Each structure stands twice: as C-alpha cells, then as structure tokens.
C-alpha atoms as a PDB file:
ATOM      1  CA  MET A   1       0.000   0.000   0.000  1.00  0.00           C
ATOM      2  CA  LEU A   2       2.847   2.383   0.835  1.00  0.00           C
ATOM      3  CA  LEU A   3       4.477   1.596  -2.498  1.00  0.00           C
ATOM      4  CA  CYS A   4       1.205   2.261  -4.353  1.00  0.00           C
ATOM      5  CA  GLY A   5       0.763   5.543  -2.539  1.00  0.00           C
ATOM      6  CA  ALA A   6       4.295   6.600  -3.343  1.00  0.00           C
ATOM      7  CA  SER A   7       3.944   5.757  -7.033  1.00  0.00           C
ATOM      8  CA  SER A   8       0.701   7.738  -7.362  1.00  0.00           C
ATOM      9  CA  ALA A   9       2.465  10.797  -5.934  1.00  0.00           C
ATOM     10  CA  ILE A  10       5.162  10.734  -8.608  1.00  0.00           C
ATOM     11  CA  PRO A  11       4.626  13.766 -10.906  1.00  0.00           C
ATOM     12  CA  GLN A  12       3.327  12.877 -14.334  1.00  0.00           C
ATOM     13  CA  PRO A  13       5.375  14.102 -17.310  1.00  0.00           C
ATOM     14  CA  TYR A  14       3.994  17.274 -18.896  1.00  0.00           C
ATOM     15  CA  PRO A  15       2.009  17.151 -21.079  1.00  0.00           C
ATOM     16  CA  SER A  16       0.180  13.876 -20.519  1.00  0.00           C
ATOM     17  CA  LYS A  17      -3.227  14.915 -21.916  1.00  0.00           C
ATOM     18  CA  PRO A  18      -4.700  17.474 -24.377  1.00  0.00           C
ATOM     19  CA  VAL A  19      -4.019  21.174 -23.767  1.00  0.00           C
ATOM     20  CA  ARG A  20      -6.662  23.872 -24.140  1.00  0.00           C
ATOM     21  CA  LEU A  21      -5.296  27.082 -25.682  1.00  0.00           C
ATOM     22  CA  ILE A  22      -7.752  29.938 -25.199  1.00  0.00           C
ATOM     23  CA  VAL A  23      -7.572  32.771 -27.728  1.00  0.00           C
ATOM     24  CA  GLY A  24      -9.437  35.921 -26.730  1.00  0.00           C
ATOM     25  CA  PHE A  25     -10.118  36.904 -30.347  1.00  0.00           C
ATOM     26  CA  PRO A  26     -12.145  35.604 -33.296  1.00  0.00           C
ATOM     27  CA  ALA A  27     -10.773  32.964 -35.658  1.00  0.00           C
ATOM     28  CA  GLY A  28      -8.753  34.245 -38.602  1.00  0.00           C
ATOM     29  CA  GLY A  29      -6.847  37.097 -36.958  1.00  0.00           C
ATOM     30  CA  ALA A  30      -3.112  37.183 -36.320  1.00  0.00           C
ATOM     31  CA  ALA A  31      -3.406  35.999 -32.695  1.00  0.00           C
ATOM     32  CA  ASP A  32      -5.579  33.063 -33.766  1.00  0.00           C
ATOM     33  CA  ILE A  33      -3.312  32.063 -36.655  1.00  0.00           C
ATOM     34  CA  ILE A  34      -0.190  32.176 -34.479  1.00  0.00           C
ATOM     35  CA  ALA A  35      -1.995  30.167 -31.785  1.00  0.00           C
ATOM     36  CA  ARG A  36      -3.071  27.506 -34.290  1.00  0.00           C
ATOM     37  CA  THR A  37       0.452  27.327 -35.718  1.00  0.00           C
ATOM     38  CA  LEU A  38       1.886  26.756 -32.253  1.00  0.00           C
ATOM     39  CA  GLY A  39      -0.888  24.292 -31.425  1.00  0.00           C
ATOM     40  CA  TYR A  40      -0.217  22.171 -34.483  1.00  0.00           C
ATOM     41  CA  ALA A  41       3.532  22.153 -33.809  1.00  0.00           C
ATOM     42  CA  PHE A  42       2.894  21.280 -30.140  1.00  0.00           C
ATOM     43  CA  THR A  43       0.802  18.281 -31.181  1.00  0.00           C
ATOM     44  CA  GLN A  44       3.364  17.107 -33.719  1.00  0.00           C
ATOM     45  CA  ASP A  45       6.323  17.523 -31.370  1.00  0.00           C
ATOM     46  CA  LEU A  46       4.854  16.290 -28.083  1.00  0.00           C
ATOM     47  CA  GLY A  47       2.046  13.998 -29.202  1.00  0.00           C
ATOM     48  CA  GLN A  48      -0.699  15.780 -27.248  1.00  0.00           C
ATOM     49  CA  GLN A  49      -3.512  17.594 -28.997  1.00  0.00           C
ATOM     50  CA  VAL A  50      -3.908  21.347 -28.493  1.00  0.00           C
ATOM     51  CA  ILE A  51      -7.545  22.445 -28.626  1.00  0.00           C
ATOM     52  CA  ILE A  52      -7.972  26.061 -29.767  1.00  0.00           C
ATOM     53  CA  ASP A  53     -10.822  27.743 -27.889  1.00  0.00           C
ATOM     54  CA  ASN A  54     -11.754  31.173 -29.316  1.00  0.00           C
ATOM     55  CA  ARG A  55     -13.405  33.319 -26.635  1.00  0.00           C
ATOM     56  CA  ALA A  56     -13.707  36.754 -28.217  1.00  0.00           C
ATOM     57  CA  GLY A  57     -15.005  39.687 -26.210  1.00  0.00           C
ATOM     58  CA  ALA A  58     -13.967  42.849 -24.354  1.00  0.00           C
ATOM     59  CA  GLY A  59     -10.721  43.231 -26.262  1.00  0.00           C
ATOM     60  CA  GLY A  60      -9.558  39.750 -25.265  1.00  0.00           C
ATOM     61  CA  SER A  61     -10.499  40.142 -21.591  1.00  0.00           C
ATOM     62  CA  LEU A  62     -13.185  37.446 -21.687  1.00  0.00           C
ATOM     63  CA  GLY A  63     -10.614  34.784 -22.572  1.00  0.00           C
ATOM     64  CA  SER A  64      -8.244  36.142 -19.940  1.00  0.00           C
ATOM     65  CA  GLU A  65     -10.896  35.915 -17.219  1.00  0.00           C
ATOM     66  CA  ILE A  66     -11.749  32.319 -18.163  1.00  0.00           C
ATOM     67  CA  THR A  67      -8.072  31.328 -18.032  1.00  0.00           C
ATOM     68  CA  ALA A  68      -7.522  33.079 -14.699  1.00  0.00           C
ATOM     69  CA  LYS A  69     -10.271  30.898 -13.161  1.00  0.00           C
ATOM     70  CA  ALA A  70      -9.085  27.639 -14.756  1.00  0.00           C
ATOM     71  CA  GLU A  71      -7.303  24.793 -12.981  1.00  0.00           C
ATOM     72  CA  PRO A  72      -3.614  25.840 -12.718  1.00  0.00           C
ATOM     73  CA  ASP A  73      -2.252  22.567 -14.066  1.00  0.00           C
ATOM     74  CA  GLY A  74      -0.794  23.691 -17.383  1.00  0.00           C
ATOM     75  CA  TYR A  75      -3.664  22.259 -19.412  1.00  0.00           C
ATOM     76  CA  THR A  76      -5.463  25.575 -19.876  1.00  0.00           C
ATOM     77  CA  ILE A  77      -3.279  28.355 -21.268  1.00  0.00           C
ATOM     78  CA  LEU A  78      -3.955  31.649 -23.014  1.00  0.00           C
ATOM     79  CA  MET A  79      -2.778  33.503 -26.100  1.00  0.00           C
ATOM     80  CA  ILE A  80      -2.861  37.264 -25.546  1.00  0.00           C
ATOM     81  CA  SER A  81      -2.042  40.274 -27.678  1.00  0.00           C
ATOM     82  CA  SER A  82      -0.729  43.709 -26.728  1.00  0.00           C
ATOM     83  CA  SER A  83      -4.309  44.846 -26.003  1.00  0.00           C
ATOM     84  CA  TYR A  84      -3.992  42.891 -22.722  1.00  0.00           C
ATOM     85  CA  ALA A  85      -1.673  45.583 -21.364  1.00  0.00           C
ATOM     86  CA  ALA A  86      -4.249  48.355 -21.734  1.00  0.00           C
ATOM     87  CA  ASN A  87      -7.384  46.443 -20.795  1.00  0.00           C
ATOM     88  CA  ALA A  88      -7.039  47.052 -17.058  1.00  0.00           C
ATOM     89  CA  ALA A  89      -7.416  50.778 -17.705  1.00  0.00           C
ATOM     90  CA  LEU A  90      -9.809  50.539 -20.668  1.00  0.00           C
ATOM     91  CA  TYR A  91     -12.345  48.236 -19.003  1.00  0.00           C
ATOM     92  CA  ARG A  92     -13.311  49.560 -15.585  1.00  0.00           C
ATOM     93  CA  GLN A  93     -15.278  46.413 -14.682  1.00  0.00           C
ATOM     94  CA  LEU A  94     -12.394  43.986 -15.296  1.00  0.00           C
ATOM     95  CA  ARG A  95     -12.870  41.022 -12.937  1.00  0.00           C
ATOM     96  CA  PHE A  96      -9.279  39.840 -12.647  1.00  0.00           C
ATOM     97  CA  ASP A  97      -5.890  41.369 -11.877  1.00  0.00           C
ATOM     98  CA  PRO A  98      -3.832  41.311 -15.113  1.00  0.00           C
ATOM     99  CA  ILE A  99      -0.556  41.061 -13.172  1.00  0.00           C
ATOM    100  CA  LYS A 100      -1.499  38.723 -10.298  1.00  0.00           C
ATOM    101  CA  ALA A 101      -4.106  36.418 -11.878  1.00  0.00           C
ATOM    102  CA  LEU A 102      -2.005  35.025 -14.725  1.00  0.00           C
ATOM    103  CA  ALA A 103       1.587  33.849 -15.058  1.00  0.00           C
ATOM    104  CA  PRO A 104       3.704  34.857 -18.093  1.00  0.00           C
ATOM    105  CA  VAL A 105       5.110  31.911 -20.063  1.00  0.00           C
ATOM    106  CA  THR A 106       6.792  33.509 -23.082  1.00  0.00           C
ATOM    107  CA  LEU A 107       6.581  36.473 -25.431  1.00  0.00           C
ATOM    108  CA  VAL A 108       5.891  34.726 -28.728  1.00  0.00           C
ATOM    109  CA  ALA A 109       6.262  37.522 -31.286  1.00  0.00           C
ATOM    110  CA  SER A 110       6.319  41.271 -31.813  1.00  0.00           C
ATOM    111  CA  ALA A 111       5.095  43.361 -34.748  1.00  0.00           C
ATOM    112  CA  ALA A 112       5.474  47.015 -35.675  1.00  0.00           C
ATOM    113  CA  GLN A 113       2.678  49.271 -36.821  1.00  0.00           C
ATOM    114  CA  VAL A 114       3.247  51.842 -39.518  1.00  0.00           C
ATOM    115  CA  LEU A 115       2.141  55.476 -39.512  1.00  0.00           C
ATOM    116  CA  LEU A 116       0.568  56.154 -42.894  1.00  0.00           C
ATOM    117  CA  ALA A 117      -0.326  59.462 -44.530  1.00  0.00           C
ATOM    118  CA  ASN A 118      -2.426  60.370 -47.516  1.00  0.00           C
ATOM    119  CA  PRO A 119       0.131  61.053 -50.296  1.00  0.00           C
ATOM    120  CA  ASN A 120      -1.421  64.458 -51.063  1.00  0.00           C
ATOM    121  CA  LEU A 121      -0.276  65.830 -47.717  1.00  0.00           C
ATOM    122  CA  PRO A 122       2.843  68.031 -47.923  1.00  0.00           C
ATOM    123  CA  PHE A 123       4.960  66.367 -45.235  1.00  0.00           C
ATOM    124  CA  ARG A 124       7.048  63.243 -45.710  1.00  0.00           C
ATOM    125  CA  ASP A 125       8.557  62.671 -42.286  1.00  0.00           C
ATOM    126  CA  ILE A 126       7.785  62.907 -38.572  1.00  0.00           C
ATOM    127  CA  LYS A 127       9.514  66.251 -38.014  1.00  0.00           C
ATOM    128  CA  ALA A 128       7.485  67.936 -40.758  1.00  0.00           C
ATOM    129  CA  LEU A 129       4.296  66.283 -39.479  1.00  0.00           C
ATOM    130  CA  ILE A 130       4.928  67.604 -35.966  1.00  0.00           C
ATOM    131  CA  ALA A 131       5.656  71.079 -37.306  1.00  0.00           C
ATOM    132  CA  GLU A 132       2.384  71.042 -39.262  1.00  0.00           C
ATOM    133  CA  ALA A 133       0.445  69.800 -36.225  1.00  0.00           C
ATOM    134  CA  LYS A 134       1.907  72.461 -33.952  1.00  0.00           C
ATOM    135  CA  ALA A 135       1.200  75.214 -36.482  1.00  0.00           C
ATOM    136  CA  SER A 136      -2.485  74.231 -36.682  1.00  0.00           C
ATOM    137  CA  PRO A 137      -3.512  72.351 -33.499  1.00  0.00           C
ATOM    138  CA  GLY A 138      -6.393  69.926 -34.090  1.00  0.00           C
ATOM    139  CA  LYS A 139      -6.453  70.444 -37.860  1.00  0.00           C
ATOM    140  CA  LEU A 140      -4.726  67.168 -38.675  1.00  0.00           C
ATOM    141  CA  ASN A 141      -6.664  63.982 -37.969  1.00  0.00           C
ATOM    142  CA  TYR A 142      -5.703  60.344 -37.618  1.00  0.00           C
ATOM    143  CA  ALA A 143      -7.837  57.250 -38.055  1.00  0.00           C
ATOM    144  CA  SER A 144      -7.695  54.026 -36.065  1.00  0.00           C
ATOM    145  CA  ALA A 145      -9.289  50.591 -36.109  1.00  0.00           C
ATOM    146  CA  GLY A 146     -11.544  51.659 -33.236  1.00  0.00           C
ATOM    147  CA  THR A 147     -11.623  53.268 -29.809  1.00  0.00           C
ATOM    148  CA  GLY A 148      -9.238  51.498 -27.466  1.00  0.00           C
ATOM    149  CA  SER A 149      -7.597  49.516 -30.279  1.00  0.00           C
ATOM    150  CA  THR A 150      -3.823  49.188 -30.439  1.00  0.00           C
ATOM    151  CA  THR A 151      -3.820  51.572 -33.415  1.00  0.00           C
ATOM    152  CA  HIS A 152      -5.750  54.148 -31.373  1.00  0.00           C
ATOM    153  CA  LEU A 153      -3.355  53.784 -28.450  1.00  0.00           C
ATOM    154  CA  ALA A 154      -0.356  54.169 -30.772  1.00  0.00           C
ATOM    155  CA  GLY A 155      -1.816  57.485 -31.912  1.00  0.00           C
ATOM    156  CA  GLU A 156      -2.507  58.687 -28.390  1.00  0.00           C
ATOM    157  CA  LEU A 157       1.023  57.790 -27.288  1.00  0.00           C
ATOM    158  CA  PHE A 158       2.365  59.750 -30.255  1.00  0.00           C
ATOM    159  CA  LYS A 159       0.241  62.776 -29.325  1.00  0.00           C
ATOM    160  CA  LEU A 160       1.498  62.706 -25.740  1.00  0.00           C
ATOM    161  CA  MET A 161       5.173  62.163 -26.553  1.00  0.00           C
ATOM    162  CA  ALA A 162       5.298  64.587 -29.495  1.00  0.00           C
ATOM    163  CA  ASP A 163       3.094  67.124 -27.655  1.00  0.00           C
ATOM    164  CA  VAL A 164       0.737  67.619 -30.593  1.00  0.00           C
ATOM    165  CA  ASN A 165      -3.027  67.860 -30.960  1.00  0.00           C
ATOM    166  CA  LEU A 166      -4.423  65.437 -33.547  1.00  0.00           C
ATOM    167  CA  THR A 167      -8.127  64.662 -33.934  1.00  0.00           C
ATOM    168  CA  HIS A 168      -8.925  60.968 -33.546  1.00  0.00           C
ATOM    169  CA  ILE A 169     -11.404  59.367 -35.968  1.00  0.00           C
ATOM    170  CA  PRO A 170     -12.300  55.795 -34.934  1.00  0.00           C
ATOM    171  CA  TYR A 171     -13.419  53.191 -37.489  1.00  0.00           C
ATOM    172  CA  LYS A 172     -14.820  49.694 -37.093  1.00  0.00           C
ATOM    173  CA  GLY A 173     -11.657  47.981 -38.259  1.00  0.00           C
ATOM    174  CA  GLY A 174      -8.471  48.849 -40.091  1.00  0.00           C
ATOM    175  CA  SER A 175      -9.742  48.081 -43.611  1.00  0.00           C
ATOM    176  CA  PRO A 176     -12.392  50.832 -43.818  1.00  0.00           C
ATOM    177  CA  ALA A 177      -9.939  53.265 -42.232  1.00  0.00           C
ATOM    178  CA  LEU A 178      -7.339  52.432 -44.877  1.00  0.00           C
ATOM    179  CA  THR A 179      -9.919  52.869 -47.647  1.00  0.00           C
ATOM    180  CA  ASP A 180     -10.805  56.347 -46.392  1.00  0.00           C
ATOM    181  CA  LEU A 181      -7.135  57.260 -45.999  1.00  0.00           C
ATOM    182  CA  ILE A 182      -6.580  56.422 -49.669  1.00  0.00           C
ATOM    183  CA  GLY A 183      -9.687  58.426 -50.589  1.00  0.00           C
ATOM    184  CA  GLY A 184      -8.582  61.452 -48.583  1.00  0.00           C
ATOM    185  CA  GLN A 185     -11.407  61.369 -46.037  1.00  0.00           C
ATOM    186  CA  VAL A 186      -8.784  61.058 -43.276  1.00  0.00           C
ATOM    187  CA  GLN A 187      -5.186  62.218 -43.243  1.00  0.00           C
ATOM    188  CA  LEU A 188      -3.197  59.806 -41.052  1.00  0.00           C
ATOM    189  CA  LEU A 189      -3.565  56.219 -39.905  1.00  0.00           C
ATOM    190  CA  PHE A 190      -1.701  53.899 -37.554  1.00  0.00           C
ATOM    191  CA  LEU A 191      -2.025  50.358 -38.906  1.00  0.00           C
ATOM    192  CA  ALA A 192      -0.407  46.916 -38.762  1.00  0.00           C
ATOM    193  CA  ILE A 193       2.111  46.523 -41.575  1.00  0.00           C
ATOM    194  CA  PRO A 194       0.739  43.524 -43.590  1.00  0.00           C
ATOM    195  CA  PRO A 195      -2.533  45.119 -44.791  1.00  0.00           C
ATOM    196  CA  ALA A 196      -0.681  48.333 -45.642  1.00  0.00           C
ATOM    197  CA  LEU A 197       2.162  46.898 -47.734  1.00  0.00           C
ATOM    198  CA  ALA A 198       0.364  46.652 -51.077  1.00  0.00           C
ATOM    199  CA  GLN A 199      -0.952  50.217 -50.782  1.00  0.00           C
ATOM    200  CA  ILE A 200       2.479  51.550 -49.795  1.00  0.00           C
ATOM    201  CA  ARG A 201       4.101  49.858 -52.801  1.00  0.00           C
ATOM    202  CA  ALA A 202       1.397  51.217 -55.095  1.00  0.00           C
ATOM    203  CA  ALA A 203       2.049  54.737 -53.700  1.00  0.00           C
ATOM    204  CA  LYS A 204      -1.608  55.033 -52.658  1.00  0.00           C
ATOM    205  CA  VAL A 205      -0.455  55.838 -49.116  1.00  0.00           C
ATOM    206  CA  ARG A 206       2.815  57.175 -47.749  1.00  0.00           C
ATOM    207  CA  ALA A 207       4.699  55.354 -44.990  1.00  0.00           C
ATOM    208  CA  ILE A 208       5.969  58.033 -42.606  1.00  0.00           C
ATOM    209  CA  ALA A 209       7.482  55.869 -39.852  1.00  0.00           C
ATOM    210  CA  VAL A 210       7.200  52.531 -38.078  1.00  0.00           C
ATOM    211  CA  THR A 211       6.308  52.292 -34.396  1.00  0.00           C
ATOM    212  CA  SER A 212       8.838  49.687 -33.226  1.00  0.00           C
ATOM    213  CA  SER A 213      12.142  50.490 -31.543  1.00  0.00           C
ATOM    214  CA  ASN A 214      14.017  49.034 -34.539  1.00  0.00           C
ATOM    215  CA  ARG A 215      13.213  49.269 -38.238  1.00  0.00           C
ATOM    216  CA  ALA A 216      10.774  46.665 -39.538  1.00  0.00           C
ATOM    217  CA  VAL A 217      12.082  43.871 -41.760  1.00  0.00           C
ATOM    218  CA  ALA A 218       9.173  44.416 -44.155  1.00  0.00           C
ATOM    219  CA  LEU A 219       9.905  48.168 -44.470  1.00  0.00           C
ATOM    220  CA  PRO A 220      13.676  48.554 -44.016  1.00  0.00           C
ATOM    221  CA  ASP A 221      13.801  51.994 -45.651  1.00  0.00           C
ATOM    222  CA  VAL A 222      11.146  53.484 -43.368  1.00  0.00           C
ATOM    223  CA  PRO A 223      12.581  55.052 -40.181  1.00  0.00           C
ATOM    224  CA  THR A 224      11.175  54.500 -36.721  1.00  0.00           C
ATOM    225  CA  VAL A 225       9.200  57.208 -34.926  1.00  0.00           C
ATOM    226  CA  ALA A 226      11.922  57.254 -32.267  1.00  0.00           C
ATOM    227  CA  GLU A 227      14.806  57.849 -34.664  1.00  0.00           C
ATOM    228  CA  SER A 228      12.728  60.498 -36.444  1.00  0.00           C
ATOM    229  CA  GLY A 229      12.634  62.785 -33.419  1.00  0.00           C
ATOM    230  CA  VAL A 230      10.297  61.301 -30.777  1.00  0.00           C
ATOM    231  CA  ALA A 231      12.906  59.633 -28.582  1.00  0.00           C
ATOM    232  CA  GLY A 232      11.746  56.536 -26.707  1.00  0.00           C
ATOM    233  CA  TYR A 233       8.563  56.051 -28.693  1.00  0.00           C
ATOM    234  CA  GLU A 234       7.494  52.422 -29.156  1.00  0.00           C
ATOM    235  CA  ALA A 235       4.042  50.962 -29.820  1.00  0.00           C
ATOM    236  CA  THR A 236       4.178  47.395 -31.070  1.00  0.00           C
ATOM    237  CA  ASN A 237       1.571  44.699 -31.493  1.00  0.00           C
ATOM    238  CA  TRP A 238       2.795  41.617 -29.658  1.00  0.00           C
ATOM    239  CA  TYR A 239       1.582  38.135 -28.790  1.00  0.00           C
ATOM    240  CA  GLY A 240       2.316  36.048 -25.702  1.00  0.00           C
ATOM    241  CA  ILE A 241       1.318  32.978 -23.720  1.00  0.00           C
ATOM    242  CA  LEU A 242      -0.012  33.118 -20.142  1.00  0.00           C
ATOM    243  CA  ALA A 243      -1.172  30.456 -17.671  1.00  0.00           C
ATOM    244  CA  PRO A 244      -3.170  30.589 -14.417  1.00  0.00           C
ATOM    245  CA  ALA A 245      -1.045  32.201 -11.719  1.00  0.00           C
ATOM    246  CA  ALA A 246      -0.932  29.194  -9.370  1.00  0.00           C
ATOM    247  CA  ILE A 247       0.619  26.889 -11.987  1.00  0.00           C
ATOM    248  CA  PRO A 248       3.393  24.783 -10.370  1.00  0.00           C
ATOM    249  CA  THR A 249       6.900  25.997 -11.093  1.00  0.00           C
ATOM    250  CA  ARG A 250       7.916  22.682 -12.666  1.00  0.00           C
ATOM    251  CA  ILE A 251       5.021  22.722 -15.134  1.00  0.00           C
ATOM    252  CA  LEU A 252       5.540  26.409 -15.946  1.00  0.00           C
ATOM    253  CA  SER A 253       9.188  25.674 -16.719  1.00  0.00           C
ATOM    254  CA  ASP A 254       8.272  22.691 -18.912  1.00  0.00           C
ATOM    255  CA  LEU A 255       5.646  24.729 -20.738  1.00  0.00           C
ATOM    256  CA  GLU A 256       8.063  27.608 -21.287  1.00  0.00           C
ATOM    257  CA  ASN A 257      10.735  25.296 -22.665  1.00  0.00           C
ATOM    258  CA  HIS A 258       8.309  23.497 -24.988  1.00  0.00           C
ATOM    259  CA  VAL A 259       6.784  26.678 -26.447  1.00  0.00           C
ATOM    260  CA  VAL A 260      10.112  28.489 -26.902  1.00  0.00           C
ATOM    261  CA  LYS A 261      11.455  25.412 -28.717  1.00  0.00           C
ATOM    262  CA  LEU A 262       8.428  25.460 -31.033  1.00  0.00           C
ATOM    263  CA  ILE A 263       8.738  29.189 -31.795  1.00  0.00           C
ATOM    264  CA  ARG A 264      12.251  28.562 -33.070  1.00  0.00           C
ATOM    265  CA  LEU A 265      11.174  25.840 -35.498  1.00  0.00           C
ATOM    266  CA  PRO A 266      11.535  27.133 -39.100  1.00  0.00           C
ATOM    267  CA  GLU A 267       7.964  26.217 -40.041  1.00  0.00           C
ATOM    268  CA  VAL A 268       6.572  28.083 -37.015  1.00  0.00           C
ATOM    269  CA  SER A 269       8.834  31.119 -37.491  1.00  0.00           C
ATOM    270  CA  GLU A 270       7.796  31.345 -41.139  1.00  0.00           C
ATOM    271  CA  GLN A 271       4.100  31.449 -40.229  1.00  0.00           C
ATOM    272  CA  ILE A 272       4.752  34.152 -37.620  1.00  0.00           C
ATOM    273  CA  VAL A 273       6.623  36.254 -40.193  1.00  0.00           C
ATOM    274  CA  LYS A 274       3.691  35.856 -42.608  1.00  0.00           C
ATOM    275  CA  GLN A 275       1.530  37.612 -39.998  1.00  0.00           C
ATOM    276  CA  GLY A 276       3.869  40.603 -40.135  1.00  0.00           C
ATOM    277  CA  ALA A 277       5.532  39.729 -36.835  1.00  0.00           C
ATOM    278  CA  GLU A 278       9.002  38.742 -35.723  1.00  0.00           C
ATOM    279  CA  PRO A 279       9.464  35.618 -33.553  1.00  0.00           C
ATOM    280  CA  VAL A 280      10.763  36.245 -30.026  1.00  0.00           C
ATOM    281  CA  GLY A 281      10.528  33.273 -27.638  1.00  0.00           C
ATOM    282  CA  SER A 282      11.565  35.008 -24.398  1.00  0.00           C
ATOM    283  CA  SER A 283      12.007  33.444 -20.999  1.00  0.00           C
ATOM    284  CA  ALA A 284       9.098  33.626 -18.546  1.00  0.00           C
ATOM    285  CA  LYS A 285      11.040  36.121 -16.385  1.00  0.00           C
ATOM    286  CA  GLU A 286      11.816  38.347 -19.363  1.00  0.00           C
ATOM    287  CA  PHE A 287       8.184  38.300 -20.454  1.00  0.00           C
ATOM    288  CA  SER A 288       7.047  39.098 -16.906  1.00  0.00           C
ATOM    289  CA  ARG A 289       9.234  42.212 -16.785  1.00  0.00           C
ATOM    290  CA  TYR A 290       8.102  43.275 -20.249  1.00  0.00           C
ATOM    291  CA  LEU A 291       4.422  42.723 -19.462  1.00  0.00           C
ATOM    292  CA  ILE A 292       4.594  44.767 -16.265  1.00  0.00           C
ATOM    293  CA  SER A 293       6.276  47.642 -18.133  1.00  0.00           C
ATOM    294  CA  GLU A 294       3.682  47.482 -20.940  1.00  0.00           C
ATOM    295  CA  ILE A 295       0.765  47.520 -18.485  1.00  0.00           C
ATOM    296  CA  ALA A 296       2.246  50.563 -16.746  1.00  0.00           C
ATOM    297  CA  LYS A 297       2.860  52.388 -20.034  1.00  0.00           C
ATOM    298  CA  TRP A 298      -0.532  51.800 -21.622  1.00  0.00           C
ATOM    299  CA  SER A 299      -2.454  52.380 -18.403  1.00  0.00           C
ATOM    300  CA  ARG A 300      -0.768  55.778 -18.202  1.00  0.00           C
ATOM    301  CA  VAL A 301      -1.663  56.560 -21.834  1.00  0.00           C
ATOM    302  CA  VAL A 302      -5.302  55.499 -21.342  1.00  0.00           C
ATOM    303  CA  LYS A 303      -5.681  57.599 -18.197  1.00  0.00           C
ATOM    304  CA  GLN A 304      -3.983  60.677 -19.636  1.00  0.00           C
ATOM    305  CA  SER A 305      -6.062  60.447 -22.814  1.00  0.00           C
ATOM    306  CA  GLY A 306      -9.333  59.796 -20.995  1.00  0.00           C
ATOM    307  CA  ILE A 307     -10.189  56.721 -23.100  1.00  0.00           C
ATOM    308  CA  HIS A 308     -12.791  54.182 -21.953  1.00  0.00           C
ATOM    309  CA  ALA A 309     -14.036  51.107 -23.794  1.00  0.00           C
ATOM    310  CA  ASP A 310     -17.012  50.396 -21.479  1.00  0.00           C
END
C-alpha cells in the first residue's frame, strides 16, 4: 500500500493529456493564426492535442478571465495580444488582476505598426508632421481601427510624446480606415504593416514611420518614430502565452521550454513572419518584466487620454 501511494504521488510528465489554448479573439486574426500554428507544432512535437478555444469579447479580456479561473495545471493556457496591457485601464469592470491572476510563459512575437499618410499631404517625415500639427492644433486627424484599439493607443502615445493635438477618428476595423485614408477622407492612420504593404508599394499611401524600436524587416527603408525625433517612442503589437497564476513551477518551466522550442522551429517562425511579426521566444522572467512595463505604459496613456471602452 505504501508503495502504491508513493507511485501515485510521482509527478506525471507534462504534457500527458490534451491542452486547451484559449484565444481571446475571433478565428482568422493574427493571434488566432499564431496560436493555431503553435498548437499544431505542439501536437506534432509532443504527441498531445492542443484544442484552440476562441473566446472573443472585451478586447480579449473574456478569454483572460476564463483562463484566470481555470485549474492551474498547465492544461489551460492563453494567447494574448498587446491589447492585454491596456485592458485594465480601458475596461473599468475587469474582474481579474492582469498582473497577479495570470503567469507569463513567453513572449511569442512582436510586430510594428506603420504610420501612414495620404500622399497628397505636404509632409514626408515625422519632423514635418509635428511642425504642421503644432502650427495648426487639431487640424490634422488620424484614423484608427476603433476606440481602445492598439492603433488608437499608438496614436494617443504619439500625441502625448510629441506634444501635438491630432483629432482621432475611430473606425470599425483597419480596412475601412485604410480605404478612407486612400480616398482622402482622413489624413493619417496607424495600422499593422501587412494590410498596408500593397498600398504603400502602389504609392496610394505614404509610410511616414514605423512604431517599433528598430526598423521593420518588411519596411527597411522606413525610419522608426523614435529615430525620427520622438525619442523613446514604441508601440508594437505583440503576442504572448499566459497560464493561471498558481501553476506549479515545474510545469511552468516545462511549458516555457516546450513553447520556446516550437517558436524557433523554421515552419513556425515562417508562419509568424507571414503575420507581419518577428518571432521572439523570451524566458518567462523576461516576459514578466516586459508585461509589467507594458501595463504601466498603456495604463498611463489610457488615463492621460481619458479613453474608456465600457
């Protein structure tokens, strides 16, 4: 009996059953595609199925809340995007603590946005844009994919750091905003790079700067906002994996190691790049530090700008 009891207490290897990967966004978006790519590779490499569970709502917060309440055994994990960092400030009725309720596993990938301008505008760089905005406060406008979206927040951060007054025009998605930018109904737009590339190459829009700290691989000739005169500016779209906070250290370590290994597989990296992102695969500690800094930054921007999503 003692031997039986001892054997039942031996930790099972992780994973020993299917894993549920919650995605807080609809199927077909970048977060979902990256999650499915990782899930397929996880199944192929470790022999355990990954079940993708799309739980869209409240900017990804619905999926986060479900994961926070799940059994902390490593078999329910979460794919988040950069919107997670602002949600605590955007949604006043958030029912979980974004820092304490979930444990960072790894930063999967990071992607720049690009600041676009209608080509009929006279300026071609950030310094000229700022000069124009300061000469006529509120005259220039910028579109976004919607109130509280990452593209909106990128614009608000730019306004604060460049000390300019731009009028925000929210759309229901990036595609209609891009269409109106081309048509001249709006003047500026912060947007993810992939949907903008064809229009940039066709000279239907002008790429002024990218929002990452380093130049984007897809637009190597376009400077960053920071190097163009707004020192320290960075507003990237990123994707990461979280788990319930009480997950055992051993399982968290195993999960981290497995996912980082998968991110570095050529077939996984290629799919991430196709979504306009660059693979990262950080350690859990690195991602924790980054996530805390992102939550602090975007909470400050939301509060200073007076934005609310509910």
